[in-house]
Amino acid sequence: MESAQLKKALGVISLFAIAMGFLEAAVVVYLRLHFYPNGFSFPLTVIPENILMVEMTREVATLVMLAAVGWIAGQSSLSRCAYFSIAFGVWDIFYYIFLKATLNWPASFLTNDVLFIIPLPWVGPVLAPILVSLCIIAASIVVLHRDSLGRPVRITPLRWTFVSLGGMLILASFLVNSIAAMHQQPLEPFNWFLFASGLLVGASSFVTALER
């Protein structure tokens, strides 16, 4: 793909993801007005099972839409993954931007949030998913840029293993407080060491793949 085409594709996908970020924020605004009229906070309010199932289905639908955009835009498995990652990262960042604009929330980057609810609640400070989003956006742009130059990134199975390990460590940091959140118990401090370890393992594995 030529540079001009790449910029156009990135612009369109980013616009789509920004619009999705607003839709996501709008849904959360309505949910919080109903379940958290005095403002979102922990411990969590118990949500009826039927509403919880709708929310879980909505999260799956969101991922399907982002993945569909990546599939349409990309021409190879890696480029499709890159476009999906960019859409996901932009969507996630603008989701918080729109929540701040509409609800003046979060109060800070260290405010805890429920990031995802499948299969268990993912809990962590807002800063954590934003850092992940920035990293995957940057990595994906590099992949697509290298593709446009005819020098595609080659990631060996071993490096994919380490990238996956980094992702699992990050996920583990988000799941530390899952049970406490589900049972309306006090949260443990976020495990920044586990999170940072995952981010470092994943990022370093990707960088070493570029060096090859």
Protein backbone atom coordinates (compact mmCIF):
# COMPACT_ATOMS: atom_id res chain seq x y z
CA MET A 1 0.00 0.00 0.00
CA GLU A 2 1.35 3.45 -0.93
CA SER A 3 1.92 6.10 1.72
CA ALA A 4 -1.05 8.24 0.61
CA GLN A 5 -3.37 5.24 0.69
CA LEU A 6 -2.07 4.26 4.11
CA LYS A 7 -2.73 7.74 5.51
CA LYS A 8 -6.23 7.71 4.06
CA ALA A 9 -6.97 4.28 5.54
CA LEU A 10 -5.63 5.33 8.94
CA GLY A 11 -7.72 8.51 8.84
CA VAL A 12 -10.94 6.70 7.98
CA ILE A 13 -10.39 3.96 10.56
CA SER A 14 -9.52 6.53 13.23
CA LEU A 15 -12.68 8.50 12.44
CA PHE A 16 -14.74 5.31 12.73
CA ALA A 17 -13.08 4.44 16.04
CA ILE A 18 -13.64 7.95 17.44
CA ALA A 19 -17.34 7.74 16.56
CA MET A 20 -17.52 4.32 18.24
CA GLY A 21 -15.81 5.80 21.28
CA PHE A 22 -18.60 8.34 21.57
CA LEU A 23 -21.28 5.66 21.20
CA GLU A 24 -19.62 3.61 23.93
CA ALA A 25 -19.40 6.64 26.21
CA ALA A 26 -23.05 7.51 25.54
CA VAL A 27 -24.18 4.03 26.61
CA VAL A 28 -22.12 4.30 29.79
CA VAL A 29 -23.59 7.74 30.52
CA TYR A 30 -27.09 6.23 30.47
CA LEU A 31 -26.04 3.22 32.55
CA ARG A 32 -24.42 5.39 35.20
CA LEU A 33 -27.42 7.71 35.40
CA HIS A 34 -29.53 4.64 36.18
CA PHE A 35 -27.23 2.56 38.39
CA TYR A 36 -24.92 5.28 39.79
CA PRO A 37 -27.02 8.46 40.09
CA ASN A 38 -24.54 9.89 42.60
CA GLY A 39 -21.51 9.12 40.45
CA PHE A 40 -19.61 5.95 39.60
CA SER A 41 -17.58 4.43 42.43
CA PHE A 42 -16.55 1.18 44.08
CA PRO A 43 -17.99 -1.04 45.51
CA LEU A 44 -19.99 -1.79 42.41
CA THR A 45 -23.77 -1.75 42.28
CA VAL A 46 -25.32 -5.16 41.66
CA ILE A 47 -26.68 -5.18 38.09
CA PRO A 48 -29.61 -7.46 37.18
CA GLU A 49 -28.52 -10.57 35.30
CA ASN A 50 -30.49 -9.73 32.16
CA ILE A 51 -28.84 -6.30 31.92
CA LEU A 52 -25.44 -7.87 32.57
CA MET A 53 -25.97 -10.27 29.68
CA VAL A 54 -26.89 -7.37 27.40
CA GLU A 55 -23.70 -5.59 28.44
CA MET A 56 -21.54 -8.64 27.78
CA THR A 57 -23.14 -9.08 24.37
CA ARG A 58 -22.56 -5.41 23.61
CA GLU A 59 -18.87 -5.78 24.41
CA VAL A 60 -18.60 -8.76 22.06
CA ALA A 61 -20.44 -6.80 19.35
CA THR A 62 -18.02 -3.90 19.76
CA LEU A 63 -15.03 -6.19 19.26
CA VAL A 64 -16.69 -7.77 16.22
CA MET A 65 -17.20 -4.35 14.63
CA LEU A 66 -13.62 -3.29 15.27
CA ALA A 67 -12.33 -6.61 13.94
CA ALA A 68 -14.50 -6.29 10.83
CA VAL A 69 -12.97 -2.91 10.04
CA GLY A 70 -9.49 -4.37 10.46
CA TRP A 71 -10.34 -7.29 8.21
CA ILE A 72 -11.66 -5.04 5.45
CA ALA A 73 -8.72 -2.64 5.60
CA GLY A 74 -5.88 -5.17 5.80
CA GLN A 75 -4.47 -7.45 3.13
CA SER A 76 -2.57 -9.91 5.30
CA SER A 77 -3.14 -11.42 8.73
CA LEU A 78 -0.60 -9.08 10.34
CA SER A 79 -1.92 -5.92 8.63
CA ARG A 80 -5.50 -6.84 9.55
CA CYS A 81 -4.41 -7.29 13.15
CA ALA A 82 -2.64 -3.91 12.96
CA TYR A 83 -5.71 -2.08 11.65
CA PHE A 84 -7.87 -3.74 14.30
CA SER A 85 -5.39 -2.72 17.00
CA ILE A 86 -5.37 0.89 15.83
CA ALA A 87 -9.17 0.98 15.79
CA PHE A 88 -9.28 -0.59 19.25
CA GLY A 89 -6.69 1.79 20.69
CA VAL A 90 -8.28 4.95 19.27
CA TRP A 91 -11.73 3.78 20.37
CA ASP A 92 -10.51 3.12 23.92
CA ILE A 93 -8.72 6.46 24.31
CA PHE A 94 -11.60 8.53 22.92
CA TYR A 95 -14.06 6.62 25.05
CA TYR A 96 -12.40 8.16 28.12
CA ILE A 97 -12.09 11.55 26.44
CA PHE A 98 -15.84 11.58 25.82
CA LEU A 99 -16.61 10.38 29.36
CA LYS A 100 -14.54 13.25 30.69
CA ALA A 101 -16.35 15.68 28.39
CA THR A 102 -19.85 14.45 29.33
CA LEU A 103 -19.54 13.35 32.96
CA ASN A 104 -16.30 15.05 34.01
CA TRP A 105 -15.09 11.55 34.85
CA PRO A 106 -12.52 10.14 35.58
CA ALA A 107 -11.23 12.51 38.22
CA SER A 108 -7.65 11.51 37.36
CA PHE A 109 -5.68 8.98 35.35
CA LEU A 110 -5.41 6.87 38.50
CA THR A 111 -9.17 6.54 38.98
CA ASN A 112 -10.22 2.89 38.96
CA ASP A 113 -12.65 1.65 36.34
CA VAL A 114 -14.22 -1.58 35.15
CA LEU A 115 -12.41 -2.00 31.84
CA PHE A 116 -14.18 -5.10 30.57
CA ILE A 117 -16.51 -7.74 32.01
CA ILE A 118 -15.73 -10.88 29.98
CA PRO A 119 -15.23 -13.43 31.47
CA LEU A 120 -14.71 -11.55 34.75
CA PRO A 121 -14.56 -7.84 35.55
CA TRP A 122 -11.25 -6.27 34.52
CA VAL A 123 -10.40 -3.59 37.07
CA GLY A 124 -7.64 -1.03 36.92
CA PRO A 125 -6.78 2.66 36.81
CA VAL A 126 -7.74 4.49 33.62
CA LEU A 127 -4.08 5.15 32.88
CA ALA A 128 -3.35 1.44 32.36
CA PRO A 129 -5.61 0.78 29.32
CA ILE A 130 -4.60 4.14 27.83
CA LEU A 131 -0.92 3.12 28.00
CA VAL A 132 -1.75 -0.21 26.36
CA SER A 133 -3.73 1.56 23.65
CA LEU A 134 -0.90 3.98 22.91
CA CYS A 135 1.57 1.09 22.65
CA ILE A 136 -0.55 -1.01 20.29
CA ILE A 137 -1.33 2.03 18.12
CA ALA A 138 2.37 2.86 17.81
CA ALA A 139 3.34 -0.75 17.06
CA SER A 140 0.56 -1.13 14.51
CA ILE A 141 1.54 2.05 12.66
CA VAL A 142 5.10 0.74 12.43
CA VAL A 143 3.83 -2.57 11.00
CA LEU A 144 1.71 -0.82 8.39
CA HIS A 145 4.46 1.64 7.50
CA ARG A 146 6.92 -1.19 6.97
CA ASP A 147 4.33 -2.92 4.78
CA SER A 148 3.96 0.23 2.68
CA LEU A 149 7.74 0.25 2.11
CA GLY A 150 7.77 -3.39 1.04
CA ARG A 151 9.68 -4.43 4.17
CA PRO A 152 7.02 -6.27 6.19
CA VAL A 153 7.66 -7.06 9.83
CA ARG A 154 8.41 -10.74 10.41
CA ILE A 155 7.56 -11.99 13.89
CA THR A 156 8.74 -15.50 14.66
CA PRO A 157 6.63 -17.94 16.67
CA LEU A 158 9.00 -17.49 19.61
CA ARG A 159 8.53 -13.73 19.63
CA TRP A 160 4.77 -14.15 19.25
CA THR A 161 4.97 -16.31 22.36
CA PHE A 162 6.67 -13.52 24.31
CA VAL A 163 4.25 -10.90 22.97
CA SER A 164 1.39 -13.14 24.13
CA LEU A 165 3.08 -13.62 27.50
CA GLY A 166 3.24 -9.85 27.90
CA GLY A 167 -0.46 -9.62 27.12
CA MET A 168 -1.28 -12.31 29.67
CA LEU A 169 0.69 -10.50 32.39
CA ILE A 170 -1.21 -7.30 31.64
CA LEU A 171 -4.50 -9.21 31.73
CA ALA A 172 -3.50 -10.78 35.05
CA SER A 173 -2.95 -7.32 36.54
CA PHE A 174 -6.51 -6.37 35.53
CA LEU A 175 -7.99 -9.56 37.00
CA VAL A 176 -6.36 -9.26 40.44
CA ASN A 177 -9.41 -7.39 41.78
CA SER A 178 -12.08 -9.25 39.82
CA ILE A 179 -13.45 -11.28 42.72
CA ALA A 180 -13.40 -8.30 45.06
CA ALA A 181 -15.31 -6.20 42.52
CA MET A 182 -17.89 -8.94 41.97
CA HIS A 183 -18.54 -9.31 45.70
CA GLN A 184 -18.54 -5.59 46.57
CA GLN A 185 -15.35 -5.94 48.61
CA PRO A 186 -12.54 -3.38 49.03
CA LEU A 187 -10.05 -3.39 46.14
CA GLU A 188 -6.39 -4.23 46.49
CA PRO A 189 -3.91 -1.63 45.15
CA PHE A 190 -3.36 -2.06 41.43
CA ASN A 191 -0.36 -4.28 40.68
CA TRP A 192 1.72 -1.85 38.64
CA PHE A 193 4.73 -4.19 38.73
CA LEU A 194 2.79 -6.99 37.03
CA PHE A 195 1.33 -4.55 34.51
CA ALA A 196 4.68 -2.92 33.72
CA SER A 197 6.33 -6.33 33.37
CA GLY A 198 3.76 -7.36 30.79
CA LEU A 199 4.11 -4.10 28.89
CA LEU A 200 7.90 -4.41 28.89
CA VAL A 201 7.91 -8.05 27.75
CA GLY A 202 5.46 -7.38 24.94
CA ALA A 203 7.13 -4.17 23.75
CA SER A 204 10.67 -5.52 23.88
CA SER A 205 9.66 -8.64 21.94
CA PHE A 206 8.12 -6.46 19.23
CA VAL A 207 11.16 -4.16 19.06
CA THR A 208 13.57 -7.08 18.71
CA ALA A 209 11.42 -8.38 15.84
CA LEU A 210 11.91 -5.03 14.08
CA GLU A 211 15.66 -5.23 14.52
CA ARG A 212 15.74 -8.45 12.57
